[in-house]
PDB file of all heavy atoms in Angstrom:
ATOM      1  N   PHE A   1     136.388  85.261  62.048  1.00  0.00           N
ATOM      2  CA  PHE A   1     136.907  84.382  63.105  1.00  0.00           C
ATOM      3  C   PHE A   1     136.917  85.126  64.459  1.00  0.00           C
ATOM      4  O   PHE A   1     136.478  84.578  65.489  1.00  0.00           O
ATOM      5  CB  PHE A   1     138.334  83.901  62.762  1.00  0.00           C
ATOM      6  CG  PHE A   1     139.114  83.531  63.978  1.00  0.00           C
ATOM      7  CD1 PHE A   1     138.851  82.321  64.665  1.00  0.00           C
ATOM      8  CD2 PHE A   1     140.077  84.391  64.482  1.00  0.00           C
ATOM      9  CE1 PHE A   1     139.570  82.014  65.803  1.00  0.00           C
ATOM     10  CE2 PHE A   1     140.778  84.084  65.668  1.00  0.00           C
ATOM     11  CZ  PHE A   1     140.493  82.861  66.292  1.00  0.00           C
ATOM     12  N   TYR A   2     137.408  86.364  64.460  1.00  0.00           N
ATOM     13  CA  TYR A   2     137.507  87.073  65.698  1.00  0.00           C
ATOM     14  C   TYR A   2     136.137  87.257  66.319  1.00  0.00           C
ATOM     15  O   TYR A   2     135.962  87.113  67.547  1.00  0.00           O
ATOM     16  CB  TYR A   2     138.186  88.454  65.450  1.00  0.00           C
ATOM     17  CG  TYR A   2     138.439  89.234  66.689  1.00  0.00           C
ATOM     18  CD1 TYR A   2     139.650  89.115  67.364  1.00  0.00           C
ATOM     19  CD2 TYR A   2     137.474  90.106  67.231  1.00  0.00           C
ATOM     20  CE1 TYR A   2     139.903  89.834  68.538  1.00  0.00           C
ATOM     21  CE2 TYR A   2     137.694  90.780  68.403  1.00  0.00           C
ATOM     22  CZ  TYR A   2     138.912  90.622  69.027  1.00  0.00           C
ATOM     23  OH  TYR A   2     139.152  91.331  70.204  1.00  0.00           O
ATOM     24  N   ALA A   3     135.161  87.669  65.511  1.00  0.00           N
ATOM     25  CA  ALA A   3     133.832  87.964  66.059  1.00  0.00           C
ATOM     26  C   ALA A   3     133.138  86.730  66.571  1.00  0.00           C
ATOM     27  O   ALA A   3     132.323  86.828  67.469  1.00  0.00           O
ATOM     28  CB  ALA A   3     133.011  88.637  64.965  1.00  0.00           C
ATOM     29  N   GLN A   4     133.501  85.556  66.007  1.00  0.00           N
ATOM     30  CA  GLN A   4     132.807  84.326  66.368  1.00  0.00           C
ATOM     31  C   GLN A   4     133.556  83.472  67.397  1.00  0.00           C
ATOM     32  O   GLN A   4     133.057  82.399  67.805  1.00  0.00           O
ATOM     33  CB  GLN A   4     132.550  83.534  65.101  1.00  0.00           C
ATOM     34  CG  GLN A   4     131.624  84.226  64.106  1.00  0.00           C
ATOM     35  CD  GLN A   4     131.689  83.647  62.711  1.00  0.00           C
ATOM     36  OE1 GLN A   4     132.360  82.619  62.461  1.00  0.00           O
ATOM     37  NE2 GLN A   4     131.077  84.338  61.752  1.00  0.00           N
ATOM     38  N   SER A   5     134.701  83.953  67.883  1.00  0.00           N
ATOM     39  CA  SER A   5     135.491  83.196  68.807  1.00  0.00           C
ATOM     40  C   SER A   5     135.494  83.851  70.188  1.00  0.00           C
ATOM     41  O   SER A   5     135.082  84.993  70.326  1.00  0.00           O
ATOM     42  CB  SER A   5     136.944  83.060  68.290  1.00  0.00           C
ATOM     43  OG  SER A   5     137.532  84.338  68.177  1.00  0.00           O
ATOM     44  N   ARG A   6     136.025  83.105  71.138  1.00  0.00           N
ATOM     45  CA  ARG A   6     136.167  83.652  72.480  1.00  0.00           C
ATOM     46  C   ARG A   6     137.644  83.842  72.781  1.00  0.00           C
ATOM     47  O   ARG A   6     138.521  83.211  72.191  1.00  0.00           O
ATOM     48  CB  ARG A   6     135.584  82.667  73.494  1.00  0.00           C
ATOM     49  CG  ARG A   6     134.063  82.510  73.396  1.00  0.00           C
ATOM     50  CD  ARG A   6     133.563  81.566  74.476  1.00  0.00           C
ATOM     51  NE  ARG A   6     132.102  81.451  74.465  1.00  0.00           N
ATOM     52  CZ  ARG A   6     131.413  80.761  75.334  1.00  0.00           C
ATOM     53  NH1 ARG A   6     132.034  80.099  76.306  1.00  0.00           N
ATOM     54  NH2 ARG A   6     130.080  80.678  75.245  1.00  0.00           N
ATOM     55  N   PRO A   7     137.936  84.771  73.746  1.00  0.00           N
ATOM     56  CA  PRO A   7     139.321  84.945  74.114  1.00  0.00           C
ATOM     57  C   PRO A   7     139.963  83.603  74.505  1.00  0.00           C
ATOM     58  O   PRO A   7     139.365  82.813  75.217  1.00  0.00           O
ATOM     59  CB  PRO A   7     139.235  85.894  75.357  1.00  0.00           C
ATOM     60  CG  PRO A   7     137.990  86.671  75.127  1.00  0.00           C
ATOM     61  CD  PRO A   7     137.036  85.658  74.477  1.00  0.00           C
ATOM     62  N   GLY A   8     141.227  83.407  74.042  1.00  0.00           N
ATOM     63  CA  GLY A   8     141.949  82.219  74.335  1.00  0.00           C
ATOM     64  C   GLY A   8     142.758  82.366  75.643  1.00  0.00           C
ATOM     65  O   GLY A   8     142.694  83.372  76.326  1.00  0.00           O
ATOM     66  N   ARG A   9     143.590  81.375  75.879  1.00  0.00           N
ATOM     67  CA  ARG A   9     144.350  81.328  77.108  1.00  0.00           C
ATOM     68  C   ARG A   9     145.258  82.545  77.305  1.00  0.00           C
ATOM     69  O   ARG A   9     145.265  83.202  78.355  1.00  0.00           O
ATOM     70  CB  ARG A   9     145.173  80.025  77.164  1.00  0.00           C
ATOM     71  CG  ARG A   9     146.047  79.867  78.404  1.00  0.00           C
ATOM     72  CD  ARG A   9     146.895  78.639  78.258  1.00  0.00           C
ATOM     73  NE  ARG A   9     147.752  78.438  79.451  1.00  0.00           N
ATOM     74  CZ  ARG A   9     148.709  77.564  79.570  1.00  0.00           C
ATOM     75  NH1 ARG A   9     148.974  76.737  78.537  1.00  0.00           N
ATOM     76  NH2 ARG A   9     149.413  77.424  80.674  1.00  0.00           N
ATOM     77  N   TRP A  10     146.101  82.825  76.319  1.00  0.00           N
ATOM     78  CA  TRP A  10     147.060  83.904  76.494  1.00  0.00           C
ATOM     79  C   TRP A  10     146.427  85.280  76.479  1.00  0.00           C
ATOM     80  O   TRP A  10     146.850  86.188  77.204  1.00  0.00           O
ATOM     81  CB  TRP A  10     148.175  83.807  75.404  1.00  0.00           C
ATOM     82  CG  TRP A  10     148.860  82.491  75.360  1.00  0.00           C
ATOM     83  CD1 TRP A  10     148.935  81.596  74.316  1.00  0.00           C
ATOM     84  CD2 TRP A  10     149.554  81.846  76.461  1.00  0.00           C
ATOM     85  NE1 TRP A  10     149.658  80.476  74.704  1.00  0.00           N
ATOM     86  CE2 TRP A  10     150.053  80.618  75.984  1.00  0.00           C
ATOM     87  CE3 TRP A  10     149.859  82.231  77.814  1.00  0.00           C
ATOM     88  CZ2 TRP A  10     150.802  79.746  76.818  1.00  0.00           C
ATOM     89  CZ3 TRP A  10     150.591  81.381  78.587  1.00  0.00           C
ATOM     90  CH2 TRP A  10     151.055  80.151  78.099  1.00  0.00           C
ATOM     91  N   GLU A  11     145.398  85.453  75.638  1.00  0.00           N
ATOM     92  CA  GLU A  11     144.705  86.710  75.619  1.00  0.00           C
ATOM     93  C   GLU A  11     144.086  86.992  76.993  1.00  0.00           C
ATOM     94  O   GLU A  11     144.105  88.142  77.494  1.00  0.00           O
ATOM     95  CB  GLU A  11     143.575  86.670  74.568  1.00  0.00           C
ATOM     96  CG  GLU A  11     142.752  87.946  74.510  1.00  0.00           C
ATOM     97  CD  GLU A  11     141.606  87.900  73.542  1.00  0.00           C
ATOM     98  OE1 GLU A  11     141.480  86.868  72.794  1.00  0.00           O
ATOM     99  OE2 GLU A  11     140.772  88.849  73.510  1.00  0.00           O
ATOM    100  N   THR A  12     143.518  86.008  77.630  1.00  0.00           N
ATOM    101  CA  THR A  12     142.923  86.174  78.951  1.00  0.00           C
ATOM    102  C   THR A  12     143.942  86.552  80.009  1.00  0.00           C
ATOM    103  O   THR A  12     143.678  87.399  80.889  1.00  0.00           O
ATOM    104  CB  THR A  12     142.234  84.867  79.358  1.00  0.00           C
ATOM    105  OG1 THR A  12     141.229  84.489  78.360  1.00  0.00           O
ATOM    106  CG2 THR A  12     141.505  85.022  80.687  1.00  0.00           C
ATOM    107  N   ILE A  13     145.124  85.974  79.915  1.00  0.00           N
ATOM    108  CA  ILE A  13     146.179  86.261  80.883  1.00  0.00           C
ATOM    109  C   ILE A  13     146.806  87.666  80.677  1.00  0.00           C
ATOM    110  O   ILE A  13     146.916  88.453  81.594  1.00  0.00           O
ATOM    111  CB  ILE A  13     147.294  85.191  80.844  1.00  0.00           C
ATOM    112  CG1 ILE A  13     146.678  83.856  81.268  1.00  0.00           C
ATOM    113  CG2 ILE A  13     148.473  85.596  81.708  1.00  0.00           C
ATOM    114  CD1 ILE A  13     147.622  82.688  81.069  1.00  0.00           C
ATOM    115  N   GLU A  14     147.177  87.956  79.423  1.00  0.00           N
ATOM    116  CA  GLU A  14     147.914  89.209  79.131  1.00  0.00           C
ATOM    117  C   GLU A  14     146.959  90.387  78.935  1.00  0.00           C
ATOM    118  O   GLU A  14     147.439  91.533  79.030  1.00  0.00           O
ATOM    119  CB  GLU A  14     148.783  88.988  77.881  1.00  0.00           C
ATOM    120  CG  GLU A  14     149.908  87.995  78.061  1.00  0.00           C
ATOM    121  CD  GLU A  14     151.265  88.685  78.295  1.00  0.00           C
ATOM    122  OE1 GLU A  14     151.292  89.903  78.686  1.00  0.00           O
ATOM    123  OE2 GLU A  14     152.325  88.042  78.151  1.00  0.00           O
ATOM    124  N   GLY A  15     145.721  90.103  78.571  1.00  0.00           N
ATOM    125  CA  GLY A  15     144.842  91.269  78.239  1.00  0.00           C
ATOM    126  C   GLY A  15     145.199  91.926  76.944  1.00  0.00           C
ATOM    127  O   GLY A  15     145.047  93.144  76.770  1.00  0.00           O
ATOM    128  N   ILE A  16     145.645  91.151  75.949  1.00  0.00           N
ATOM    129  CA  ILE A  16     145.999  91.659  74.649  1.00  0.00           C
ATOM    130  C   ILE A  16     145.135  90.919  73.621  1.00  0.00           C
ATOM    131  O   ILE A  16     145.325  89.751  73.364  1.00  0.00           O
ATOM    132  CB  ILE A  16     147.516  91.393  74.294  1.00  0.00           C
ATOM    133  CG1 ILE A  16     148.398  92.039  75.387  1.00  0.00           C
ATOM    134  CG2 ILE A  16     147.849  91.931  72.918  1.00  0.00           C
ATOM    135  CD1 ILE A  16     149.851  91.600  75.291  1.00  0.00           C
ATOM    136  N   ASP A  17     144.172  91.629  73.037  1.00  0.00           N
ATOM    137  CA  ASP A  17     143.201  90.879  72.203  1.00  0.00           C
ATOM    138  C   ASP A  17     143.784  90.321  70.946  1.00  0.00           C
ATOM    139  O   ASP A  17     143.340  89.343  70.403  1.00  0.00           O
ATOM    140  CB  ASP A  17     141.965  91.770  71.906  1.00  0.00           C
ATOM    141  CG  ASP A  17     142.310  92.927  71.007  1.00  0.00           C
ATOM    142  OD1 ASP A  17     143.278  93.676  71.271  1.00  0.00           O
ATOM    143  OD2 ASP A  17     141.578  93.128  70.016  1.00  0.00           O
ATOM    144  N   THR A  18     144.900  90.942  70.470  1.00  0.00           N
ATOM    145  CA  THR A  18     145.599  90.392  69.271  1.00  0.00           C
ATOM    146  C   THR A  18     146.150  89.009  69.478  1.00  0.00           C
ATOM    147  O   THR A  18     146.325  88.227  68.574  1.00  0.00           O
ATOM    148  CB  THR A  18     146.763  91.349  68.857  1.00  0.00           C
ATOM    149  OG1 THR A  18     146.291  92.718  68.909  1.00  0.00           O
ATOM    150  CG2 THR A  18     147.251  91.044  67.439  1.00  0.00           C
ATOM    151  N   LEU A  19     146.378  88.641  70.752  1.00  0.00           N
ATOM    152  CA  LEU A  19     146.865  87.296  71.055  1.00  0.00           C
ATOM    153  C   LEU A  19     145.906  86.224  70.637  1.00  0.00           C
ATOM    154  O   LEU A  19     146.249  85.058  70.532  1.00  0.00           O
ATOM    155  CB  LEU A  19     147.184  87.151  72.563  1.00  0.00           C
ATOM    156  CG  LEU A  19     148.558  87.616  72.996  1.00  0.00           C
ATOM    157  CD1 LEU A  19     148.641  87.630  74.515  1.00  0.00           C
ATOM    158  CD2 LEU A  19     149.659  86.773  72.385  1.00  0.00           C
ATOM    159  N   ARG A  20     144.612  86.542  70.427  1.00  0.00           N
ATOM    160  CA  ARG A  20     143.640  85.580  70.043  1.00  0.00           C
ATOM    161  C   ARG A  20     144.080  84.809  68.768  1.00  0.00           C
ATOM    162  O   ARG A  20     143.851  83.628  68.577  1.00  0.00           O
ATOM    163  CB  ARG A  20     142.265  86.211  69.825  1.00  0.00           C
ATOM    164  CG  ARG A  20     141.158  85.155  69.608  1.00  0.00           C
ATOM    165  CD  ARG A  20     139.809  85.760  69.597  1.00  0.00           C
ATOM    166  NE  ARG A  20     139.578  86.671  70.706  1.00  0.00           N
ATOM    167  CZ  ARG A  20     138.411  87.244  70.943  1.00  0.00           C
ATOM    168  NH1 ARG A  20     137.369  87.017  70.147  1.00  0.00           N
ATOM    169  NH2 ARG A  20     138.241  88.057  71.977  1.00  0.00           N
ATOM    170  N   PHE A  21     144.683  85.577  67.876  1.00  0.00           N
ATOM    171  CA  PHE A  21     145.097  84.949  66.598  1.00  0.00           C
ATOM    172  C   PHE A  21     146.212  83.892  66.849  1.00  0.00           C
ATOM    173  O   PHE A  21     146.251  82.847  66.178  1.00  0.00           O
ATOM    174  CB  PHE A  21     145.576  86.005  65.605  1.00  0.00           C
ATOM    175  CG  PHE A  21     144.516  87.059  65.369  1.00  0.00           C
ATOM    176  CD1 PHE A  21     144.854  88.396  65.626  1.00  0.00           C
ATOM    177  CD2 PHE A  21     143.281  86.731  64.928  1.00  0.00           C
ATOM    178  CE1 PHE A  21     143.872  89.430  65.386  1.00  0.00           C
ATOM    179  CE2 PHE A  21     142.326  87.714  64.726  1.00  0.00           C
ATOM    180  CZ  PHE A  21     142.588  89.020  64.960  1.00  0.00           C
ATOM    181  N   MET A  22     147.128  84.168  67.766  1.00  0.00           N
ATOM    182  CA  MET A  22     148.138  83.193  68.118  1.00  0.00           C
ATOM    183  C   MET A  22     147.566  82.075  68.921  1.00  0.00           C
ATOM    184  O   MET A  22     147.995  80.909  68.811  1.00  0.00           O
ATOM    185  CB  MET A  22     149.298  83.940  68.869  1.00  0.00           C
ATOM    186  CG  MET A  22     150.226  84.721  67.943  1.00  0.00           C
ATOM    187  SD  MET A  22     150.726  86.285  68.604  1.00  0.00           S
ATOM    188  CE  MET A  22     149.402  87.359  68.015  1.00  0.00           C
ATOM    189  N   ASP A  23     146.614  82.384  69.837  1.00  0.00           N
ATOM    190  CA  ASP A  23     145.989  81.352  70.644  1.00  0.00           C
ATOM    191  C   ASP A  23     145.381  80.263  69.731  1.00  0.00           C
ATOM    192  O   ASP A  23     145.393  79.056  70.082  1.00  0.00           O
ATOM    193  CB  ASP A  23     144.907  81.911  71.489  1.00  0.00           C
ATOM    194  CG  ASP A  23     145.420  82.386  72.876  1.00  0.00           C
ATOM    195  OD1 ASP A  23     146.260  81.683  73.447  1.00  0.00           O
ATOM    196  OD2 ASP A  23     144.987  83.437  73.357  1.00  0.00           O
ATOM    197  N   TYR A  24     144.816  80.674  68.608  1.00  0.00           N
ATOM    198  CA  TYR A  24     144.140  79.741  67.732  1.00  0.00           C
ATOM    199  C   TYR A  24     144.904  79.389  66.495  1.00  0.00           C
ATOM    200  O   TYR A  24     144.350  78.777  65.538  1.00  0.00           O
ATOM    201  CB  TYR A  24     142.730  80.284  67.354  1.00  0.00           C
ATOM    202  CG  TYR A  24     141.768  80.318  68.518  1.00  0.00           C
ATOM    203  CD1 TYR A  24     141.661  81.443  69.327  1.00  0.00           C
ATOM    204  CD2 TYR A  24     140.955  79.247  68.822  1.00  0.00           C
ATOM    205  CE1 TYR A  24     140.806  81.511  70.391  1.00  0.00           C
ATOM    206  CE2 TYR A  24     140.063  79.292  69.871  1.00  0.00           C
ATOM    207  CZ  TYR A  24     139.988  80.424  70.679  1.00  0.00           C
ATOM    208  OH  TYR A  24     139.095  80.482  71.751  1.00  0.00           O
ATOM    209  N   GLY A  25     146.147  79.806  66.397  1.00  0.00           N
ATOM    210  CA  GLY A  25     146.999  79.390  65.278  1.00  0.00           C
ATOM    211  C   GLY A  25     146.662  80.100  63.931  1.00  0.00           C
ATOM    212  O   GLY A  25     146.910  79.530  62.889  1.00  0.00           O
ATOM    213  N   LYS A  26     146.130  81.322  63.992  1.00  0.00           N
ATOM    214  CA  LYS A  26     145.842  82.088  62.783  1.00  0.00           C
ATOM    215  C   LYS A  26     147.043  82.853  62.269  1.00  0.00           C
ATOM    216  O   LYS A  26     147.961  83.147  63.074  1.00  0.00           O
ATOM    217  CB  LYS A  26     144.662  83.012  63.008  1.00  0.00           C
ATOM    218  CG  LYS A  26     143.411  82.315  63.553  1.00  0.00           C
ATOM    219  CD  LYS A  26     142.938  81.190  62.652  1.00  0.00           C
ATOM    220  CE  LYS A  26     141.718  80.495  63.206  1.00  0.00           C
ATOM    221  NZ  LYS A  26     141.290  79.325  62.396  1.00  0.00           N
ATOM    222  N   GLU A  27     147.093  83.144  61.010  1.00  0.00           N
ATOM    223  CA  GLU A  27     148.263  83.755  60.387  1.00  0.00           C
ATOM    224  C   GLU A  27     148.207  85.269  60.553  1.00  0.00           C
ATOM    225  O   GLU A  27     147.472  85.965  59.864  1.00  0.00           O
ATOM    226  CB  GLU A  27     148.353  83.396  58.944  1.00  0.00           C
ATOM    227  CG  GLU A  27     149.589  83.928  58.250  1.00  0.00           C
ATOM    228  CD  GLU A  27     149.745  83.532  56.753  1.00  0.00           C
ATOM    229  OE1 GLU A  27     148.844  82.819  56.295  1.00  0.00           O
ATOM    230  OE2 GLU A  27     150.743  83.913  56.177  1.00  0.00           O
ATOM    231  N   LEU A  28     149.100  85.784  61.400  1.00  0.00           N
ATOM    232  CA  LEU A  28     149.242  87.251  61.563  1.00  0.00           C
ATOM    233  C   LEU A  28     150.725  87.567  61.233  1.00  0.00           C
ATOM    234  O   LEU A  28     151.619  87.197  61.922  1.00  0.00           O
ATOM    235  CB  LEU A  28     148.967  87.686  62.996  1.00  0.00           C
ATOM    236  CG  LEU A  28     149.026  89.194  63.259  1.00  0.00           C
ATOM    237  CD1 LEU A  28     147.884  89.907  62.571  1.00  0.00           C
ATOM    238  CD2 LEU A  28     148.978  89.466  64.773  1.00  0.00           C
ATOM    239  N   ARG A  29     150.874  88.247  60.078  1.00  0.00           N
ATOM    240  CA  ARG A  29     152.223  88.569  59.586  1.00  0.00           C
ATOM    241  C   ARG A  29     152.614  89.924  60.177  1.00  0.00           C
ATOM    242  O   ARG A  29     151.892  90.949  60.040  1.00  0.00           O
ATOM    243  CB  ARG A  29     152.220  88.669  58.108  1.00  0.00           C
ATOM    244  CG  ARG A  29     151.964  87.357  57.394  1.00  0.00           C
ATOM    245  CD  ARG A  29     153.208  86.552  57.223  1.00  0.00           C
ATOM    246  NE  ARG A  29     152.925  85.234  56.593  1.00  0.00           N
ATOM    247  CZ  ARG A  29     153.885  84.457  56.084  1.00  0.00           C
ATOM    248  NH1 ARG A  29     155.140  84.840  56.102  1.00  0.00           N
ATOM    249  NH2 ARG A  29     153.552  83.299  55.575  1.00  0.00           N
ATOM    250  N   LEU A  30     153.771  89.995  60.798  1.00  0.00           N
ATOM    251  CA  LEU A  30     154.329  91.206  61.361  1.00  0.00           C
ATOM    252  C   LEU A  30     155.175  91.910  60.273  1.00  0.00           C
ATOM    253  O   LEU A  30     155.873  91.244  59.518  1.00  0.00           O
ATOM    254  CB  LEU A  30     155.145  90.942  62.572  1.00  0.00           C
ATOM    255  CG  LEU A  30     154.400  90.242  63.733  1.00  0.00           C
ATOM    256  CD1 LEU A  30     155.283  90.177  64.998  1.00  0.00           C
ATOM    257  CD2 LEU A  30     153.080  90.902  64.022  1.00  0.00           C
ATOM    258  N   VAL A  31     155.066  93.254  60.256  1.00  0.00           N
ATOM    259  CA  VAL A  31     155.844  94.053  59.305  1.00  0.00           C
ATOM    260  C   VAL A  31     156.658  95.082  60.080  1.00  0.00           C
ATOM    261  O   VAL A  31     156.069  95.860  60.865  1.00  0.00           O
ATOM    262  CB  VAL A  31     154.912  94.748  58.293  1.00  0.00           C
ATOM    263  CG1 VAL A  31     155.726  95.563  57.303  1.00  0.00           C
ATOM    264  CG2 VAL A  31     153.989  93.793  57.609  1.00  0.00           C
TER     265      VAL A  31
END
């Protein structure tokens, strides 16, 4: 998914590439 997608809204603003998963509603579990 990451390789085939483009930076989303929040990733573009904050400059945090991990935000892409939240931009597109993907499941990232924090530990």
